[in-house]
């Protein structure tokens, strides 16, 4: 059985299952002392349904375009029909780093924009 844990994980699926199977009469603090864990870690695993690590990636992209950026996108970028990866590569090569990072957010937000039209 191949178990992939988060690199900073202090618990294994077996320990997590043991934490979840403890009766509610046993406090999180007592379990934390017994397993040498933080009580918040114990509380987290007792509340979860499963014993697998949750994804640490964002589930939603929190990037939006301003009205000016949206107009620019529809006027300049969309007619070129260039893939966003190509636009991002060109931007990273020919603009300062701070601008390239901002452009990354703009490119990401265009995915939402294209799905609207």
Protein backbone atom coordinates (compact mmCIF):
# COMPACT_ATOMS: atom_id res chain seq x y z
CA UNK A 1 0.00 0.00 0.00
CA UNK A 2 1.51 3.27 -1.15
CA UNK A 3 0.66 6.10 1.25
CA UNK A 4 1.44 9.64 0.17
CA UNK A 5 1.39 12.03 3.09
CA UNK A 6 1.83 15.77 3.15
CA UNK A 7 5.53 16.43 3.74
CA UNK A 8 4.84 18.00 7.16
CA UNK A 9 2.25 15.43 8.27
CA UNK A 10 2.71 14.16 11.82
CA UNK A 11 -0.04 11.57 11.58
CA UNK A 12 -0.64 8.50 9.43
CA UNK A 13 -4.01 7.23 8.23
CA UNK A 14 -3.91 4.62 11.02
CA UNK A 15 -3.44 7.27 13.72
CA UNK A 16 -6.14 9.44 12.14
CA UNK A 17 -8.54 6.49 12.21
CA UNK A 18 -7.72 5.88 15.86
CA UNK A 19 -8.41 9.53 16.65
CA UNK A 20 -11.75 9.35 14.85
CA UNK A 21 -12.78 6.14 16.58
CA UNK A 22 -12.28 7.52 20.11
CA UNK A 23 -15.48 8.23 22.05
CA UNK A 24 -16.48 11.86 22.46
CA UNK A 25 -16.01 11.51 26.21
CA UNK A 26 -12.25 11.59 25.57
CA UNK A 27 -11.19 15.21 25.11
CA UNK A 28 -9.04 16.51 22.28
CA UNK A 29 -6.49 17.67 24.85
CA UNK A 30 -6.13 14.15 26.29
CA UNK A 31 -5.69 12.63 22.84
CA UNK A 32 -3.20 15.32 21.88
CA UNK A 33 -1.08 14.48 24.92
CA UNK A 34 -1.33 10.75 24.27
CA UNK A 35 -0.30 11.03 20.61
CA UNK A 36 2.09 13.98 21.06
CA UNK A 37 0.06 16.18 18.71
CA UNK A 38 -1.39 19.66 18.81
CA UNK A 39 -4.97 19.67 20.09
CA UNK A 40 -6.07 21.56 16.95
CA UNK A 41 -4.69 18.73 14.83
CA UNK A 42 -6.63 16.20 16.90
CA UNK A 43 -9.82 18.27 16.58
CA UNK A 44 -9.35 18.58 12.81
CA UNK A 45 -9.00 14.83 12.29
CA UNK A 46 -11.87 13.99 14.61
CA UNK A 47 -14.19 16.25 12.60
CA UNK A 48 -13.21 14.93 9.17
CA UNK A 49 -15.04 12.11 7.42
CA UNK A 50 -11.99 10.38 5.95
CA UNK A 51 -8.33 9.91 6.78
CA UNK A 52 -6.79 11.18 3.52
CA UNK A 53 -4.98 14.51 3.25
CA UNK A 54 -7.12 17.23 1.71
CA UNK A 55 -5.90 19.19 -1.29
CA UNK A 56 -3.95 22.34 -0.50
CA UNK A 57 -4.70 23.88 -3.88
CA UNK A 58 -7.34 26.56 -4.15
CA UNK A 59 -10.68 25.21 -5.32
CA UNK A 60 -11.64 28.49 -6.98
CA UNK A 61 -9.59 31.06 -8.78
CA UNK A 62 -10.01 34.46 -7.14
CA UNK A 63 -9.00 36.63 -10.09
CA UNK A 64 -11.16 39.10 -11.94
CA UNK A 65 -10.60 41.56 -14.73
CA UNK A 66 -11.34 45.23 -14.43
CA UNK A 67 -13.64 46.76 -17.04
CA UNK A 68 -10.63 48.26 -18.84
CA UNK A 69 -8.78 44.93 -18.86
CA UNK A 70 -11.86 43.17 -20.19
CA UNK A 71 -12.26 45.70 -23.03
CA UNK A 72 -8.55 45.35 -23.87
CA UNK A 73 -8.82 41.59 -23.85
CA UNK A 74 -11.78 41.53 -26.26
CA UNK A 75 -10.16 44.10 -28.55
CA UNK A 76 -6.57 42.84 -28.66
CA UNK A 77 -6.09 39.35 -27.35
CA UNK A 78 -9.22 37.53 -28.44
CA UNK A 79 -8.94 38.30 -32.19
CA UNK A 80 -5.36 36.94 -32.22
CA UNK A 81 -6.66 33.54 -31.04
CA UNK A 82 -3.27 32.85 -29.44
CA UNK A 83 -3.32 30.29 -26.67
CA UNK A 84 -3.03 31.81 -23.20
CA UNK A 85 0.15 29.83 -22.58
CA UNK A 86 1.83 31.58 -25.53
CA UNK A 87 0.63 35.00 -24.40
CA UNK A 88 1.92 34.32 -20.90
CA UNK A 89 5.31 33.15 -22.20
CA UNK A 90 5.75 36.29 -24.29
CA UNK A 91 4.68 38.51 -21.41
CA UNK A 92 7.11 36.86 -19.01
CA UNK A 93 9.98 37.27 -21.46
CA UNK A 94 9.42 40.91 -22.37
CA UNK A 95 8.08 42.50 -19.18
CA UNK A 96 9.50 43.09 -15.71
CA UNK A 97 8.80 40.39 -13.13
CA UNK A 98 6.12 42.30 -11.21
CA UNK A 99 4.17 42.92 -14.39
CA UNK A 100 4.53 39.31 -15.48
CA UNK A 101 3.08 38.17 -12.17
CA UNK A 102 0.15 40.54 -12.60
CA UNK A 103 -0.33 39.26 -16.14
CA UNK A 104 -0.51 35.71 -14.79
CA UNK A 105 -3.60 36.72 -12.82
CA UNK A 106 -5.09 38.41 -15.89
CA UNK A 107 -4.53 35.30 -18.01
CA UNK A 108 -6.06 33.13 -15.36
CA UNK A 109 -9.09 35.38 -15.12
CA UNK A 110 -9.68 35.12 -18.87
CA UNK A 111 -10.75 31.52 -18.40
CA UNK A 112 -13.76 32.85 -16.49
CA UNK A 113 -14.29 35.54 -19.11
CA UNK A 114 -14.30 33.14 -22.03
CA UNK A 115 -16.77 30.86 -20.31
CA UNK A 116 -19.20 33.78 -19.97
CA UNK A 117 -19.43 34.48 -23.71
